[in-house]
Amino acid sequence: MTLSASRQYEFARRIMAGGANAAVEGAFERRATEVMAHDNRGPA
């Protein structure tokens, strides 16, 4: 688990955002007209 107060938070945030952005970019390259992203991590 990476807590927002930890040194690794910014690194983890960039990795997760990069993966999401790559998936969205790939969808649009394949002619998607709409993409929905949902972040379901975190406290319940």
PDB file of N, CA and C in Angstrom:
ATOM      1  N   MET A   1       0.852  -1.179   0.000  1.00  0.00           N
ATOM      2  CA  MET A   1       0.000   0.000   0.000  1.00  0.00           C
ATOM      3  C   MET A   1       0.892   1.234   0.000  1.00  0.00           C
ATOM      4  N   THR A   2       0.543   2.225  -0.786  1.00  0.00           N
ATOM      5  CA  THR A   2       1.286   3.479  -0.846  1.00  0.00           C
ATOM      6  C   THR A   2       0.422   4.575  -0.247  1.00  0.00           C
ATOM      7  N   LEU A   3       0.876   5.145   0.838  1.00  0.00           N
ATOM      8  CA  LEU A   3       0.135   6.214   1.507  1.00  0.00           C
ATOM      9  C   LEU A   3       0.520   7.559   0.910  1.00  0.00           C
ATOM     10  N   SER A   4      -0.420   8.493   0.870  1.00  0.00           N
ATOM     11  CA  SER A   4      -0.159   9.794   0.258  1.00  0.00           C
ATOM     12  C   SER A   4       0.940  10.565   0.963  1.00  0.00           C
ATOM     13  N   ALA A   5       1.219  10.244   2.201  1.00  0.00           N
ATOM     14  CA  ALA A   5       2.277  10.939   2.935  1.00  0.00           C
ATOM     15  C   ALA A   5       3.651  10.310   2.694  1.00  0.00           C
ATOM     16  N   SER A   6       3.719   9.190   1.972  1.00  0.00           N
ATOM     17  CA  SER A   6       4.999   8.514   1.774  1.00  0.00           C
ATOM     18  C   SER A   6       5.776   9.125   0.608  1.00  0.00           C
ATOM     19  N   ARG A   7       7.070   8.854   0.600  1.00  0.00           N
ATOM     20  CA  ARG A   7       7.931   9.354  -0.475  1.00  0.00           C
ATOM     21  C   ARG A   7       7.578   8.731  -1.816  1.00  0.00           C
ATOM     22  N   GLN A   8       7.040   7.543  -1.807  1.00  0.00           N
ATOM     23  CA  GLN A   8       6.751   6.831  -3.048  1.00  0.00           C
ATOM     24  C   GLN A   8       5.420   7.226  -3.694  1.00  0.00           C
ATOM     25  N   TYR A   9       4.645   8.050  -3.022  1.00  0.00           N
ATOM     26  CA  TYR A   9       3.309   8.381  -3.526  1.00  0.00           C
ATOM     27  C   TYR A   9       3.354   9.004  -4.920  1.00  0.00           C
ATOM     28  N   GLU A  10       4.191  10.010  -5.114  1.00  0.00           N
ATOM     29  CA  GLU A  10       4.260  10.691  -6.410  1.00  0.00           C
ATOM     30  C   GLU A  10       4.689   9.718  -7.508  1.00  0.00           C
ATOM     31  N   PHE A  11       5.653   8.863  -7.211  1.00  0.00           N
ATOM     32  CA  PHE A  11       6.092   7.866  -8.183  1.00  0.00           C
ATOM     33  C   PHE A  11       4.939   6.936  -8.547  1.00  0.00           C
ATOM     34  N   ALA A  12       4.254   6.417  -7.552  1.00  0.00           N
ATOM     35  CA  ALA A  12       3.139   5.498  -7.792  1.00  0.00           C
ATOM     36  C   ALA A  12       2.019   6.194  -8.561  1.00  0.00           C
ATOM     37  N   ARG A  13       1.747   7.441  -8.231  1.00  0.00           N
ATOM     38  CA  ARG A  13       0.706   8.201  -8.931  1.00  0.00           C
ATOM     39  C   ARG A  13       1.044   8.340 -10.410  1.00  0.00           C
ATOM     40  N   ARG A  14       2.295   8.637 -10.712  1.00  0.00           N
ATOM     41  CA  ARG A  14       2.704   8.789 -12.115  1.00  0.00           C
ATOM     42  C   ARG A  14       2.614   7.468 -12.875  1.00  0.00           C
ATOM     43  N   ILE A  15       3.003   6.378 -12.220  1.00  0.00           N
ATOM     44  CA  ILE A  15       2.926   5.067 -12.863  1.00  0.00           C
ATOM     45  C   ILE A  15       1.466   4.716 -13.173  1.00  0.00           C
ATOM     46  N   MET A  16       0.579   4.914 -12.208  1.00  0.00           N
ATOM     47  CA  MET A  16      -0.838   4.589 -12.413  1.00  0.00           C
ATOM     48  C   MET A  16      -1.460   5.483 -13.488  1.00  0.00           C
ATOM     49  N   ALA A  17      -1.156   6.777 -13.453  1.00  0.00           N
ATOM     50  CA  ALA A  17      -1.698   7.694 -14.456  1.00  0.00           C
ATOM     51  C   ALA A  17      -1.158   7.354 -15.836  1.00  0.00           C
ATOM     52  N   GLY A  18       0.112   6.983 -15.907  1.00  0.00           N
ATOM     53  CA  GLY A  18       0.702   6.610 -17.191  1.00  0.00           C
ATOM     54  C   GLY A  18       0.020   5.394 -17.800  1.00  0.00           C
ATOM     55  N   GLY A  19      -0.274   4.408 -16.966  1.00  0.00           N
ATOM     56  CA  GLY A  19      -0.968   3.218 -17.455  1.00  0.00           C
ATOM     57  C   GLY A  19      -2.368   3.534 -17.937  1.00  0.00           C
ATOM     58  N   ALA A  20      -3.075   4.349 -17.187  1.00  0.00           N
ATOM     59  CA  ALA A  20      -4.435   4.736 -17.580  1.00  0.00           C
ATOM     60  C   ALA A  20      -4.404   5.546 -18.872  1.00  0.00           C
ATOM     61  N   ASN A  21      -3.478   6.483 -18.966  1.00  0.00           N
ATOM     62  CA  ASN A  21      -3.375   7.298 -20.175  1.00  0.00           C
ATOM     63  C   ASN A  21      -3.028   6.450 -21.394  1.00  0.00           C
ATOM     64  N   ALA A  22      -2.168   5.457 -21.228  1.00  0.00           N
ATOM     65  CA  ALA A  22      -1.813   4.573 -22.338  1.00  0.00           C
ATOM     66  C   ALA A  22      -3.026   3.769 -22.801  1.00  0.00           C
ATOM     67  N   ALA A  23      -3.822   3.296 -21.872  1.00  0.00           N
ATOM     68  CA  ALA A  23      -5.028   2.543 -22.225  1.00  0.00           C
ATOM     69  C   ALA A  23      -6.021   3.418 -22.982  1.00  0.00           C
ATOM     70  N   VAL A  24      -6.201   4.638 -22.530  1.00  0.00           N
ATOM     71  CA  VAL A  24      -7.123   5.565 -23.195  1.00  0.00           C
ATOM     72  C   VAL A  24      -6.606   5.909 -24.591  1.00  0.00           C
ATOM     73  N   GLU A  25      -5.316   6.187 -24.687  1.00  0.00           N
ATOM     74  CA  GLU A  25      -4.730   6.503 -25.989  1.00  0.00           C
ATOM     75  C   GLU A  25      -4.926   5.335 -26.963  1.00  0.00           C
ATOM     76  N   GLY A  26      -4.690   4.120 -26.493  1.00  0.00           N
ATOM     77  CA  GLY A  26      -4.889   2.947 -27.342  1.00  0.00           C
ATOM     78  C   GLY A  26      -6.330   2.800 -27.787  1.00  0.00           C
ATOM     79  N   ALA A  27      -7.253   3.087 -26.900  1.00  0.00           N
ATOM     80  CA  ALA A  27      -8.675   3.002 -27.256  1.00  0.00           C
ATOM     81  C   ALA A  27      -9.019   4.001 -28.357  1.00  0.00           C
ATOM     82  N   PHE A  28      -8.530   5.226 -28.238  1.00  0.00           N
ATOM     83  CA  PHE A  28      -8.818   6.231 -29.262  1.00  0.00           C
ATOM     84  C   PHE A  28      -8.109   5.912 -30.580  1.00  0.00           C
ATOM     85  N   GLU A  29      -6.919   5.320 -30.505  1.00  0.00           N
ATOM     86  CA  GLU A  29      -6.239   4.902 -31.734  1.00  0.00           C
ATOM     87  C   GLU A  29      -7.040   3.831 -32.467  1.00  0.00           C
ATOM     88  N   ARG A  30      -7.827   3.076 -31.740  1.00  0.00           N
ATOM     89  CA  ARG A  30      -8.671   2.032 -32.335  1.00  0.00           C
ATOM     90  C   ARG A  30     -10.074   2.556 -32.626  1.00  0.00           C
ATOM     91  N   ARG A  31     -10.199   3.873 -32.651  1.00  0.00           N
ATOM     92  CA  ARG A  31     -11.428   4.570 -33.043  1.00  0.00           C
ATOM     93  C   ARG A  31     -12.526   4.595 -31.984  1.00  0.00           C
ATOM     94  N   ALA A  32     -12.172   4.469 -30.737  1.00  0.00           N
ATOM     95  CA  ALA A  32     -13.173   4.664 -29.680  1.00  0.00           C
ATOM     96  C   ALA A  32     -13.632   6.117 -29.737  1.00  0.00           C
ATOM     97  N   THR A  33     -14.867   6.344 -29.415  1.00  0.00           N
ATOM     98  CA  THR A  33     -15.386   7.711 -29.397  1.00  0.00           C
ATOM     99  C   THR A  33     -15.581   8.220 -27.979  1.00  0.00           C
ATOM    100  N   GLU A  34     -15.510   7.311 -27.026  1.00  0.00           N
ATOM    101  CA  GLU A  34     -15.712   7.691 -25.630  1.00  0.00           C
ATOM    102  C   GLU A  34     -14.980   6.686 -24.744  1.00  0.00           C
ATOM    103  N   VAL A  35     -14.382   7.188 -23.679  1.00  0.00           N
ATOM    104  CA  VAL A  35     -13.700   6.329 -22.710  1.00  0.00           C
ATOM    105  C   VAL A  35     -14.119   6.772 -21.315  1.00  0.00           C
ATOM    106  N   MET A  36     -14.449   5.824 -20.470  1.00  0.00           N
ATOM    107  CA  MET A  36     -14.786   6.131 -19.084  1.00  0.00           C
ATOM    108  C   MET A  36     -13.760   5.454 -18.184  1.00  0.00           C
ATOM    109  N   ALA A  37     -13.181   6.225 -17.295  1.00  0.00           N
ATOM    110  CA  ALA A  37     -12.209   5.675 -16.342  1.00  0.00           C
ATOM    111  C   ALA A  37     -12.786   5.814 -14.941  1.00  0.00           C
ATOM    112  N   HIS A  38     -12.583   4.785 -14.140  1.00  0.00           N
ATOM    113  CA  HIS A  38     -13.085   4.795 -12.770  1.00  0.00           C
ATOM    114  C   HIS A  38     -11.987   4.311 -11.838  1.00  0.00           C
ATOM    115  N   ASP A  39     -11.622   5.129 -10.891  1.00  0.00           N
ATOM    116  CA  ASP A  39     -10.616   4.761  -9.892  1.00  0.00           C
ATOM    117  C   ASP A  39     -11.355   4.190  -8.694  1.00  0.00           C
ATOM    118  N   ASN A  40     -11.247   2.895  -8.497  1.00  0.00           N
ATOM    119  CA  ASN A  40     -11.977   2.284  -7.388  1.00  0.00           C
ATOM    120  C   ASN A  40     -11.052   1.851  -6.260  1.00  0.00           C
ATOM    121  N   ARG A  41      -9.862   2.403  -6.233  1.00  0.00           N
ATOM    122  CA  ARG A  41      -8.956   2.091  -5.123  1.00  0.00           C
ATOM    123  C   ARG A  41      -9.235   3.047  -3.967  1.00  0.00           C
ATOM    124  N   GLY A  42      -8.831   2.673  -2.807  1.00  0.00           N
ATOM    125  CA  GLY A  42      -8.991   3.534  -1.645  1.00  0.00           C
ATOM    126  C   GLY A  42      -9.920   2.924  -0.622  1.00  0.00           C
ATOM    127  N   PRO A  43     -10.166   3.664   0.433  1.00  0.00           N
ATOM    128  CA  PRO A  43     -11.028   3.156   1.509  1.00  0.00           C
ATOM    129  C   PRO A  43     -12.442   2.870   1.009  1.00  0.00           C
ATOM    130  N   ALA A  44     -13.036   1.863   1.549  1.00  0.00           N
ATOM    131  CA  ALA A  44     -14.405   1.500   1.149  1.00  0.00           C
ATOM    132  C   ALA A  44     -15.422   2.419   1.788  1.00  0.00           C
TER     133      ALA A  44
END
